[in-house]
Amino acid sequence: SEVKLFLAYEGEEIVGRIAAIFNTNHNAFTERNDGFFGFFDTINDQE
């Protein structure tokens, strides 16, 4: 499977993070096309 990590910046300050996770084994086992997110942390900001 594959994972892509992203950081959110405001100026030079880190304000959030997330991992996009494509679990090939999950999709093969469940016969679905799901994506996942994880390692999710953020300041209290909707944007």
All heavy atoms as atom14 arrays in JSON, in Angstrom:
{
  "sequence": "SEVKLFLAYEGEEIVGRIAAIFNTNHNAFTERNDGFFGFFDTINDQE",
  "atom14_mask": [
    [1, 1, 1, 1, 1, 1, 0, 0, 0, 0, 0, 0, 0, 0],
    [1, 1, 1, 1, 1, 1, 1, 1, 1, 0, 0, 0, 0, 0],
    [1, 1, 1, 1, 1, 1, 1, 0, 0, 0, 0, 0, 0, 0],
    [1, 1, 1, 1, 1, 1, 1, 1, 1, 0, 0, 0, 0, 0],
    [1, 1, 1, 1, 1, 1, 1, 1, 0, 0, 0, 0, 0, 0],
    [1, 1, 1, 1, 1, 1, 1, 1, 1, 1, 1, 0, 0, 0],
    [1, 1, 1, 1, 1, 1, 1, 1, 0, 0, 0, 0, 0, 0],
    [1, 1, 1, 1, 1, 0, 0, 0, 0, 0, 0, 0, 0, 0],
    [1, 1, 1, 1, 1, 1, 1, 1, 1, 1, 1, 1, 0, 0],
    [1, 1, 1, 1, 1, 1, 1, 1, 1, 0, 0, 0, 0, 0],
    [1, 1, 1, 1, 0, 0, 0, 0, 0, 0, 0, 0, 0, 0],
    [1, 1, 1, 1, 1, 1, 1, 1, 1, 0, 0, 0, 0, 0],
    [1, 1, 1, 1, 1, 1, 1, 1, 1, 0, 0, 0, 0, 0],
    [1, 1, 1, 1, 1, 1, 1, 1, 0, 0, 0, 0, 0, 0],
    [1, 1, 1, 1, 1, 1, 1, 0, 0, 0, 0, 0, 0, 0],
    [1, 1, 1, 1, 0, 0, 0, 0, 0, 0, 0, 0, 0, 0],
    [1, 1, 1, 1, 1, 1, 1, 1, 1, 1, 1, 0, 0, 0],
    [1, 1, 1, 1, 1, 1, 1, 1, 0, 0, 0, 0, 0, 0],
    [1, 1, 1, 1, 1, 0, 0, 0, 0, 0, 0, 0, 0, 0],
    [1, 1, 1, 1, 1, 0, 0, 0, 0, 0, 0, 0, 0, 0],
    [1, 1, 1, 1, 1, 1, 1, 1, 0, 0, 0, 0, 0, 0],
    [1, 1, 1, 1, 1, 1, 1, 1, 1, 1, 1, 0, 0, 0],
    [1, 1, 1, 1, 1, 1, 1, 1, 0, 0, 0, 0, 0, 0],
    [1, 1, 1, 1, 1, 1, 1, 0, 0, 0, 0, 0, 0, 0],
    [1, 1, 1, 1, 1, 1, 1, 1, 0, 0, 0, 0, 0, 0],
    [1, 1, 1, 1, 1, 1, 1, 1, 1, 1, 0, 0, 0, 0],
    [1, 1, 1, 1, 1, 1, 1, 1, 0, 0, 0, 0, 0, 0],
    [1, 1, 1, 1, 1, 0, 0, 0, 0, 0, 0, 0, 0, 0],
    [1, 1, 1, 1, 1, 1, 1, 1, 1, 1, 1, 0, 0, 0],
    [1, 1, 1, 1, 1, 1, 1, 0, 0, 0, 0, 0, 0, 0],
    [1, 1, 1, 1, 1, 1, 1, 1, 1, 0, 0, 0, 0, 0],
    [1, 1, 1, 1, 1, 1, 1, 1, 1, 1, 1, 0, 0, 0],
    [1, 1, 1, 1, 1, 1, 1, 1, 0, 0, 0, 0, 0, 0],
    [1, 1, 1, 1, 1, 1, 1, 1, 0, 0, 0, 0, 0, 0],
    [1, 1, 1, 1, 0, 0, 0, 0, 0, 0, 0, 0, 0, 0],
    [1, 1, 1, 1, 1, 1, 1, 1, 1, 1, 1, 0, 0, 0],
    [1, 1, 1, 1, 1, 1, 1, 1, 1, 1, 1, 0, 0, 0],
    [1, 1, 1, 1, 0, 0, 0, 0, 0, 0, 0, 0, 0, 0],
    [1, 1, 1, 1, 1, 1, 1, 1, 1, 1, 1, 0, 0, 0],
    [1, 1, 1, 1, 1, 1, 1, 1, 1, 1, 1, 0, 0, 0],
    [1, 1, 1, 1, 1, 1, 1, 1, 0, 0, 0, 0, 0, 0],
    [1, 1, 1, 1, 1, 1, 1, 0, 0, 0, 0, 0, 0, 0],
    [1, 1, 1, 1, 1, 1, 1, 1, 0, 0, 0, 0, 0, 0],
    [1, 1, 1, 1, 1, 1, 1, 1, 0, 0, 0, 0, 0, 0],
    [1, 1, 1, 1, 1, 1, 1, 1, 0, 0, 0, 0, 0, 0],
    [1, 1, 1, 1, 1, 1, 1, 1, 1, 0, 0, 0, 0, 0],
    [1, 1, 1, 1, 1, 1, 1, 1, 1, 0, 0, 0, 0, 0]
  ],
  "atom14_positions": [
    [[0.82, -1.21, 0.0], [0.0, 0.0, 0.0], [0.86, 1.26, 0.0], [2.08, 1.19, 0.13], [-0.94, -0.01, 1.22], [-1.83, -1.12, 1.14], [0.0, 0.0, 0.0], [0.0, 0.0, 0.0], [0.0, 0.0, 0.0], [0.0, 0.0, 0.0], [0.0, 0.0, 0.0], [0.0, 0.0, 0.0], [0.0, 0.0, 0.0], [0.0, 0.0, 0.0]],
    [[0.18, 2.42, -0.12], [0.89, 3.69, -0.24], [0.37, 4.71, 0.78], [-0.81, 4.69, 1.15], [0.71, 4.28, -1.65], [1.32, 3.45, -2.76], [1.09, 4.09, -4.11], [1.73, 5.14, -4.39], [0.26, 3.58, -4.89], [0.0, 0.0, 0.0], [0.0, 0.0, 0.0], [0.0, 0.0, 0.0], [0.0, 0.0, 0.0], [0.0, 0.0, 0.0]],
    [[1.26, 5.62, 1.18], [0.91, 6.69, 2.11], [1.56, 7.98, 1.61], [2.72, 7.97, 1.18], [1.42, 6.38, 3.53], [1.1, 7.56, 4.47], [0.8, 5.1, 4.06], [0.0, 0.0, 0.0], [0.0, 0.0, 0.0], [0.0, 0.0, 0.0], [0.0, 0.0, 0.0], [0.0, 0.0, 0.0], [0.0, 0.0, 0.0], [0.0, 0.0, 0.0]],
    [[0.81, 9.07, 1.66], [1.35, 10.38, 1.34], [1.09, 11.33, 2.5], [-0.04, 11.47, 2.96], [0.71, 10.95, 0.06], [1.36, 12.23, -0.44], [2.8, 11.99, -0.88], [3.43, 13.26, -1.44], [4.85, 13.05, -1.82], [0.0, 0.0, 0.0], [0.0, 0.0, 0.0], [0.0, 0.0, 0.0], [0.0, 0.0, 0.0], [0.0, 0.0, 0.0]],
    [[2.14, 11.98, 2.98], [2.05, 12.86, 4.14], [2.02, 14.32, 3.71], [2.72, 14.72, 2.77], [3.25, 12.63, 5.08], [3.54, 11.19, 5.5], [4.77, 11.15, 6.39], [2.34, 10.57, 6.2], [0.0, 0.0, 0.0], [0.0, 0.0, 0.0], [0.0, 0.0, 0.0], [0.0, 0.0, 0.0], [0.0, 0.0, 0.0], [0.0, 0.0, 0.0]],
    [[1.23, 15.12, 4.44], [1.12, 16.54, 4.14], [1.18, 17.36, 5.43], [0.66, 16.95, 6.46], [-0.21, 16.85, 3.43], [-0.4, 16.14, 2.13], [-1.13, 14.95, 2.06], [0.14, 16.65, 0.95], [-1.32, 14.29, 0.86], [-0.04, 16.0, -0.26], [-0.77, 14.81, -0.31], [0.0, 0.0, 0.0], [0.0, 0.0, 0.0], [0.0, 0.0, 0.0]],
    [[1.8, 18.54, 5.31], [1.86, 19.51, 6.4], [1.13, 20.78, 6.01], [1.21, 21.2, 4.84], [3.3, 19.85, 6.75], [4.1, 18.77, 7.49], [5.59, 19.08, 7.42], [3.65, 18.66, 8.94], [0.0, 0.0, 0.0], [0.0, 0.0, 0.0], [0.0, 0.0, 0.0], [0.0, 0.0, 0.0], [0.0, 0.0, 0.0], [0.0, 0.0, 0.0]],
    [[0.42, 21.37, 6.96], [-0.23, 22.67, 6.73], [0.61, 23.76, 7.38], [0.98, 23.65, 8.55], [-1.64, 22.66, 7.3], [0.0, 0.0, 0.0], [0.0, 0.0, 0.0], [0.0, 0.0, 0.0], [0.0, 0.0, 0.0], [0.0, 0.0, 0.0], [0.0, 0.0, 0.0], [0.0, 0.0, 0.0], [0.0, 0.0, 0.0], [0.0, 0.0, 0.0]],
    [[0.88, 24.79, 6.61], [1.65, 25.93, 7.11], [0.8, 27.2, 7.08], [-0.01, 27.4, 6.18], [2.87, 26.19, 6.22], [4.05, 25.29, 6.45], [4.12, 24.04, 5.84], [5.11, 25.69, 7.27], [5.22, 23.21, 6.04], [6.21, 24.88, 7.47], [6.26, 23.63, 6.86], [7.34, 22.82, 7.05], [0.0, 0.0, 0.0], [0.0, 0.0, 0.0]],
    [[1.03, 28.06, 8.07], [0.56, 29.44, 8.01], [1.8, 30.3, 8.18], [2.37, 30.38, 9.28], [-0.47, 29.75, 9.1], [-1.02, 31.16, 8.99], [-2.24, 31.38, 9.85], [-2.45, 30.61, 10.8], [-2.97, 32.35, 9.58], [0.0, 0.0, 0.0], [0.0, 0.0, 0.0], [0.0, 0.0, 0.0], [0.0, 0.0, 0.0], [0.0, 0.0, 0.0]],
    [[2.22, 30.9, 7.1], [3.53, 31.55, 7.12], [4.6, 30.47, 7.27], [4.66, 29.52, 6.5], [0.0, 0.0, 0.0], [0.0, 0.0, 0.0], [0.0, 0.0, 0.0], [0.0, 0.0, 0.0], [0.0, 0.0, 0.0], [0.0, 0.0, 0.0], [0.0, 0.0, 0.0], [0.0, 0.0, 0.0], [0.0, 0.0, 0.0], [0.0, 0.0, 0.0]],
    [[5.44, 30.62, 8.29], [6.47, 29.62, 8.55], [6.09, 28.66, 9.68], [6.89, 27.81, 10.07], [7.79, 30.33, 8.9], [8.34, 31.2, 7.78], [8.56, 30.41, 6.5], [9.17, 29.32, 6.57], [8.1, 30.86, 5.43], [0.0, 0.0, 0.0], [0.0, 0.0, 0.0], [0.0, 0.0, 0.0], [0.0, 0.0, 0.0], [0.0, 0.0, 0.0]],
    [[4.87, 28.8, 10.18], [4.44, 27.99, 11.33], [3.61, 26.78, 10.88], [2.72, 26.91, 10.04], [3.6, 28.84, 12.29], [3.16, 28.1, 13.53], [2.29, 28.96, 14.43], [2.05, 30.14, 14.09], [1.83, 28.44, 15.47], [0.0, 0.0, 0.0], [0.0, 0.0, 0.0], [0.0, 0.0, 0.0], [0.0, 0.0, 0.0], [0.0, 0.0, 0.0]],
    [[3.94, 25.6, 11.46], [3.14, 24.4, 11.2], [1.83, 24.51, 11.96], [1.82, 24.77, 13.17], [3.89, 23.14, 11.66], [5.28, 23.05, 11.02], [3.07, 21.88, 11.29], [5.29, 22.84, 9.56], [0.0, 0.0, 0.0], [0.0, 0.0, 0.0], [0.0, 0.0, 0.0], [0.0, 0.0, 0.0], [0.0, 0.0, 0.0], [0.0, 0.0, 0.0]],
    [[0.7, 24.28, 11.26], [-0.6, 24.37, 11.93], [-1.43, 23.1, 11.77], [-2.53, 22.99, 12.33], [-1.4, 25.59, 11.42], [-0.75, 26.89, 11.87], [-1.56, 25.55, 9.89], [0.0, 0.0, 0.0], [0.0, 0.0, 0.0], [0.0, 0.0, 0.0], [0.0, 0.0, 0.0], [0.0, 0.0, 0.0], [0.0, 0.0, 0.0], [0.0, 0.0, 0.0]],
    [[-0.92, 22.11, 11.03], [-1.67, 20.87, 10.89], [-0.9, 19.82, 10.11], [0.12, 20.13, 9.46], [0.0, 0.0, 0.0], [0.0, 0.0, 0.0], [0.0, 0.0, 0.0], [0.0, 0.0, 0.0], [0.0, 0.0, 0.0], [0.0, 0.0, 0.0], [0.0, 0.0, 0.0], [0.0, 0.0, 0.0], [0.0, 0.0, 0.0], [0.0, 0.0, 0.0]],
    [[-1.38, 18.58, 10.19], [-0.76, 17.49, 9.44], [-1.82, 16.45, 9.11], [-2.85, 16.36, 9.78], [0.39, 16.85, 10.23], [-0.09, 16.06, 11.45], [1.03, 15.3, 12.12], [0.48, 14.34, 13.09], [1.18, 13.4, 13.71], [2.48, 13.32, 13.51], [0.61, 12.56, 14.55], [0.0, 0.0, 0.0], [0.0, 0.0, 0.0], [0.0, 0.0, 0.0]],
    [[-1.56, 15.66, 8.07], [-2.47, 14.57, 7.71], [-1.71, 13.56, 6.85], [-0.76, 13.93, 6.14], [-3.71, 15.11, 6.93], [-4.84, 14.09, 6.93], [-3.33, 15.51, 5.51], [-6.16, 14.66, 6.43], [0.0, 0.0, 0.0], [0.0, 0.0, 0.0], [0.0, 0.0, 0.0], [0.0, 0.0, 0.0], [0.0, 0.0, 0.0], [0.0, 0.0, 0.0]],
    [[-2.12, 12.3, 6.95], [-1.62, 11.25, 6.07], [-2.76, 10.76, 5.21], [-3.85, 10.46, 5.72], [-1.03, 10.1, 6.88], [0.0, 0.0, 0.0], [0.0, 0.0, 0.0], [0.0, 0.0, 0.0], [0.0, 0.0, 0.0], [0.0, 0.0, 0.0], [0.0, 0.0, 0.0], [0.0, 0.0, 0.0], [0.0, 0.0, 0.0], [0.0, 0.0, 0.0]],
    [[-2.56, 10.69, 3.91], [-3.5, 10.06, 2.98], [-3.02, 8.62, 2.79], [-1.86, 8.4, 2.45], [-3.55, 10.81, 1.66], [0.0, 0.0, 0.0], [0.0, 0.0, 0.0], [0.0, 0.0, 0.0], [0.0, 0.0, 0.0], [0.0, 0.0, 0.0], [0.0, 0.0, 0.0], [0.0, 0.0, 0.0], [0.0, 0.0, 0.0], [0.0, 0.0, 0.0]],
    [[-3.91, 7.66, 3.0], [-3.52, 6.25, 3.04], [-4.36, 5.47, 2.05], [-5.6, 5.44, 2.15], [-3.72, 5.68, 4.47], [-2.91, 6.5, 5.48], [-3.34, 4.21, 4.52], [-3.36, 6.34, 6.92], [0.0, 0.0, 0.0], [0.0, 0.0, 0.0], [0.0, 0.0, 0.0], [0.0, 0.0, 0.0], [0.0, 0.0, 0.0], [0.0, 0.0, 0.0]],
    [[-3.7, 4.84, 1.09], [-4.39, 3.98, 0.13], [-4.0, 2.54, 0.43], [-2.9, 2.09, 0.11], [-4.03, 4.36, -1.31], [-4.92, 3.68, -2.33], [-6.23, 4.1, -2.49], [-4.45, 2.64, -3.1], [-7.06, 3.48, -3.42], [-5.27, 2.01, -4.03], [-6.57, 2.43, -4.2], [0.0, 0.0, 0.0], [0.0, 0.0, 0.0], [0.0, 0.0, 0.0]],
    [[-4.94, 1.84, 1.07], [-4.69, 0.48, 1.56], [-5.19, -0.52, 0.52], [-6.37, -0.88, 0.49], [-5.41, 0.29, 2.9], [-5.04, -1.02, 3.57], [-4.66, -1.98, 2.93], [-5.14, -1.06, 4.89], [0.0, 0.0, 0.0], [0.0, 0.0, 0.0], [0.0, 0.0, 0.0], [0.0, 0.0, 0.0], [0.0, 0.0, 0.0], [0.0, 0.0, 0.0]],
    [[-4.3, -0.97, -0.33], [-4.65, -1.88, -1.41], [-5.23, -3.19, -0.88], [-6.19, -3.73, -1.44], [-3.42, -2.18, -2.28], [-2.86, -0.94, -2.74], [-3.78, -3.03, -3.49], [0.0, 0.0, 0.0], [0.0, 0.0, 0.0], [0.0, 0.0, 0.0], [0.0, 0.0, 0.0], [0.0, 0.0, 0.0], [0.0, 0.0, 0.0], [0.0, 0.0, 0.0]],
    [[-4.66, -3.72, 0.2], [-5.17, -4.96, 0.77], [-6.58, -4.81, 1.3], [-7.41, -5.73, 1.17], [-4.24, -5.46, 1.88], [-3.05, -6.22, 1.33], [-2.83, -6.25, 0.12], [-2.28, -6.84, 2.21], [0.0, 0.0, 0.0], [0.0, 0.0, 0.0], [0.0, 0.0, 0.0], [0.0, 0.0, 0.0], [0.0, 0.0, 0.0], [0.0, 0.0, 0.0]],
    [[-6.88, -3.67, 1.91], [-8.24, -3.42, 2.39], [-9.23, -3.45, 1.23], [-10.29, -4.08, 1.31], [-8.32, -2.06, 3.09], [-9.72, -1.56, 3.3], [-10.46, -1.85, 4.42], [-10.53, -0.81, 2.5], [-11.65, -1.3, 4.33], [-11.73, -0.66, 3.17], [0.0, 0.0, 0.0], [0.0, 0.0, 0.0], [0.0, 0.0, 0.0], [0.0, 0.0, 0.0]],
    [[-8.89, -2.75, 0.16], [-9.81, -2.67, -0.97], [-9.98, -4.02, -1.66], [-11.08, -4.36, -2.12], [-9.34, -1.6, -1.96], [-9.57, -0.2, -1.41], [-10.46, 0.03, -0.6], [-8.75, 0.74, -1.85], [0.0, 0.0, 0.0], [0.0, 0.0, 0.0], [0.0, 0.0, 0.0], [0.0, 0.0, 0.0], [0.0, 0.0, 0.0], [0.0, 0.0, 0.0]],
    [[-8.92, -4.81, -1.72], [-9.03, -6.14, -2.32], [-9.9, -7.06, -1.46], [-10.73, -7.81, -1.97], [-7.64, -6.74, -2.51], [0.0, 0.0, 0.0], [0.0, 0.0, 0.0], [0.0, 0.0, 0.0], [0.0, 0.0, 0.0], [0.0, 0.0, 0.0], [0.0, 0.0, 0.0], [0.0, 0.0, 0.0], [0.0, 0.0, 0.0], [0.0, 0.0, 0.0]],
    [[-9.71, -6.98, -0.14], [-10.45, -7.85, 0.79], [-11.92, -7.47, 0.88], [-12.79, -8.35, 0.95], [-9.8, -7.77, 2.18], [-10.4, -8.68, 3.2], [-10.18, -10.05, 3.16], [-11.2, -8.17, 4.22], [-10.74, -10.9, 4.11], [-11.77, -9.01, 5.18], [-11.53, -10.39, 5.12], [0.0, 0.0, 0.0], [0.0, 0.0, 0.0], [0.0, 0.0, 0.0]],
    [[-12.23, -6.18, 0.85], [-13.6, -5.71, 1.02], [-14.31, -5.45, -0.32], [-15.52, -5.19, -0.33], [-13.64, -4.41, 1.83], [-12.89, -3.39, 1.15], [-13.04, -4.62, 3.22], [0.0, 0.0, 0.0], [0.0, 0.0, 0.0], [0.0, 0.0, 0.0], [0.0, 0.0, 0.0], [0.0, 0.0, 0.0], [0.0, 0.0, 0.0], [0.0, 0.0, 0.0]],
    [[-13.55, -5.51, -1.41], [-14.08, -5.22, -2.75], [-14.67, -3.81, -2.8], [-15.76, -3.58, -3.3], [-15.12, -6.28, -3.17], [-14.53, -7.68, -3.26], [-15.55, -8.71, -3.7], [-16.78, -8.44, -3.61], [-15.13, -9.8, -4.13], [0.0, 0.0, 0.0], [0.0, 0.0, 0.0], [0.0, 0.0, 0.0], [0.0, 0.0, 0.0], [0.0, 0.0, 0.0]],
    [[-13.93, -2.87, -2.23], [-14.34, -1.47, -2.2], [-13.21, -0.6, -2.76], [-12.13, -1.1, -3.11], [-14.66, -1.03, -0.77], [-15.9, -1.73, -0.19], [-16.1, -1.32, 1.26], [-16.21, 0.13, 1.43], [-17.35, 0.82, 1.33], [-18.47, 0.18, 1.08], [-17.37, 2.12, 1.5], [0.0, 0.0, 0.0], [0.0, 0.0, 0.0], [0.0, 0.0, 0.0]],
    [[-13.49, 0.7, -2.86], [-12.48, 1.66, -3.3], [-12.37, 2.76, -2.24], [-12.66, 3.93, -2.51], [-12.85, 2.25, -4.66], [-12.8, 1.23, -5.78], [-11.78, 0.58, -5.97], [-13.89, 1.08, -6.5], [0.0, 0.0, 0.0], [0.0, 0.0, 0.0], [0.0, 0.0, 0.0], [0.0, 0.0, 0.0], [0.0, 0.0, 0.0], [0.0, 0.0, 0.0]],
    [[-11.94, 2.37, -1.05], [-11.83, 3.31, 0.06], [-10.46, 3.97, 0.1], [-9.44, 3.35, -0.25], [-12.07, 2.6, 1.39], [-13.5, 2.12, 1.56], [-14.41, 2.82, 1.07], [-13.71, 1.05, 2.17], [0.0, 0.0, 0.0], [0.0, 0.0, 0.0], [0.0, 0.0, 0.0], [0.0, 0.0, 0.0], [0.0, 0.0, 0.0], [0.0, 0.0, 0.0]],
    [[-10.46, 5.18, 0.58], [-9.23, 5.86, 0.97], [-9.32, 6.19, 2.44], [-10.41, 6.27, 3.01], [0.0, 0.0, 0.0], [0.0, 0.0, 0.0], [0.0, 0.0, 0.0], [0.0, 0.0, 0.0], [0.0, 0.0, 0.0], [0.0, 0.0, 0.0], [0.0, 0.0, 0.0], [0.0, 0.0, 0.0], [0.0, 0.0, 0.0], [0.0, 0.0, 0.0]],
    [[-8.2, 6.39, 3.07], [-8.17, 6.64, 4.5], [-7.33, 7.88, 4.8], [-6.45, 8.25, 4.03], [-7.56, 5.44, 5.25], [-8.36, 4.17, 5.11], [-8.18, 3.35, 4.0], [-9.28, 3.81, 6.07], [-8.91, 2.19, 3.87], [-10.02, 2.64, 5.94], [-9.84, 1.83, 4.83], [0.0, 0.0, 0.0], [0.0, 0.0, 0.0], [0.0, 0.0, 0.0]],
    [[-7.63, 8.49, 5.95], [-6.75, 9.53, 6.45], [-6.36, 9.17, 7.88], [-7.1, 8.51, 8.6], [-7.41, 10.92, 6.4], [-8.5, 11.15, 7.42], [-8.22, 11.8, 8.62], [-9.8, 10.74, 7.18], [-9.22, 12.03, 9.56], [-10.81, 10.97, 8.12], [-10.52, 11.61, 9.31], [0.0, 0.0, 0.0], [0.0, 0.0, 0.0], [0.0, 0.0, 0.0]],
    [[-5.18, 9.62, 8.26], [-4.68, 9.33, 9.6], [-3.59, 10.31, 9.99], [-3.32, 11.27, 9.26], [0.0, 0.0, 0.0], [0.0, 0.0, 0.0], [0.0, 0.0, 0.0], [0.0, 0.0, 0.0], [0.0, 0.0, 0.0], [0.0, 0.0, 0.0], [0.0, 0.0, 0.0], [0.0, 0.0, 0.0], [0.0, 0.0, 0.0], [0.0, 0.0, 0.0]],
    [[-2.97, 10.06, 11.16], [-1.93, 10.96, 11.68], [-2.42, 12.4, 11.55], [-1.69, 13.28, 11.09], [-0.61, 10.73, 10.95], [-0.07, 9.33, 11.11], [-0.38, 8.34, 10.18], [0.69, 8.98, 12.21], [0.09, 7.05, 10.32], [1.16, 7.69, 12.36], [0.87, 6.71, 11.42], [0.0, 0.0, 0.0], [0.0, 0.0, 0.0], [0.0, 0.0, 0.0]],
    [[-3.66, 12.59, 11.96], [-4.36, 13.86, 11.76], [-4.28, 14.7, 13.02], [-4.74, 14.29, 14.09], [-5.82, 13.57, 11.4], [-6.69, 14.8, 11.33], [-6.54, 15.72, 10.3], [-7.67, 15.03, 12.29], [-7.35, 16.84, 10.23], [-8.47, 16.15, 12.23], [-8.32, 17.06, 11.19], [0.0, 0.0, 0.0], [0.0, 0.0, 0.0], [0.0, 0.0, 0.0]],
    [[-3.65, 15.87, 12.88], [-3.58, 16.82, 14.0], [-3.66, 18.22, 13.44], [-3.13, 18.51, 12.36], [-2.28, 16.64, 14.79], [-2.32, 15.39, 15.65], [-3.06, 15.38, 16.65], [-1.62, 14.41, 15.32], [0.0, 0.0, 0.0], [0.0, 0.0, 0.0], [0.0, 0.0, 0.0], [0.0, 0.0, 0.0], [0.0, 0.0, 0.0], [0.0, 0.0, 0.0]],
    [[-4.31, 19.1, 14.21], [-4.54, 20.45, 13.7], [-4.81, 21.43, 14.82], [-5.29, 21.04, 15.9], [-5.75, 20.45, 12.73], [-6.01, 21.77, 12.27], [-7.0, 19.92, 13.42], [0.0, 0.0, 0.0], [0.0, 0.0, 0.0], [0.0, 0.0, 0.0], [0.0, 0.0, 0.0], [0.0, 0.0, 0.0], [0.0, 0.0, 0.0], [0.0, 0.0, 0.0]],
    [[-4.53, 22.68, 14.55], [-5.0, 23.74, 15.44], [-6.52, 23.84, 15.28], [-7.1, 23.25, 14.37], [-4.32, 25.09, 15.11], [-4.67, 25.54, 13.68], [-2.8, 24.99, 15.3], [-4.25, 26.95, 13.36], [0.0, 0.0, 0.0], [0.0, 0.0, 0.0], [0.0, 0.0, 0.0], [0.0, 0.0, 0.0], [0.0, 0.0, 0.0], [0.0, 0.0, 0.0]],
    [[-7.15, 24.61, 16.14], [-8.6, 24.75, 16.09], [-8.95, 25.79, 15.02], [-9.24, 26.95, 15.31], [-9.12, 25.18, 17.46], [-10.64, 25.12, 17.54], [-11.31, 24.79, 16.57], [-11.17, 25.43, 18.71], [0.0, 0.0, 0.0], [0.0, 0.0, 0.0], [0.0, 0.0, 0.0], [0.0, 0.0, 0.0], [0.0, 0.0, 0.0], [0.0, 0.0, 0.0]],
    [[-8.94, 25.32, 13.75], [-9.16, 26.24, 12.63], [-9.78, 25.46, 11.47], [-9.17, 24.5, 10.96], [-7.84, 26.86, 12.19], [-7.99, 27.79, 11.0], [-8.55, 28.88, 11.17], [-7.56, 27.38, 9.89], [0.0, 0.0, 0.0], [0.0, 0.0, 0.0], [0.0, 0.0, 0.0], [0.0, 0.0, 0.0], [0.0, 0.0, 0.0], [0.0, 0.0, 0.0]],
    [[-10.97, 25.86, 11.07], [-11.7, 25.13, 10.03], [-11.0, 25.18, 8.67], [-10.95, 24.18, 7.94], [-13.12, 25.69, 9.9], [-14.04, 24.8, 9.07], [-14.28, 23.46, 9.74], [-14.69, 23.4, 10.89], [-14.02, 22.38, 9.01], [0.0, 0.0, 0.0], [0.0, 0.0, 0.0], [0.0, 0.0, 0.0], [0.0, 0.0, 0.0], [0.0, 0.0, 0.0]],
    [[-10.42, 26.31, 8.33], [-9.75, 26.43, 7.04], [-8.61, 25.44, 6.92], [-8.41, 24.8, 5.88], [-9.23, 27.86, 6.84], [-8.55, 28.06, 5.49], [-7.87, 29.41, 5.34], [-7.8, 30.15, 6.35], [-7.41, 29.72, 4.23], [0.0, 0.0, 0.0], [0.0, 0.0, 0.0], [0.0, 0.0, 0.0], [0.0, 0.0, 0.0], [0.0, 0.0, 0.0]]
  ]
}
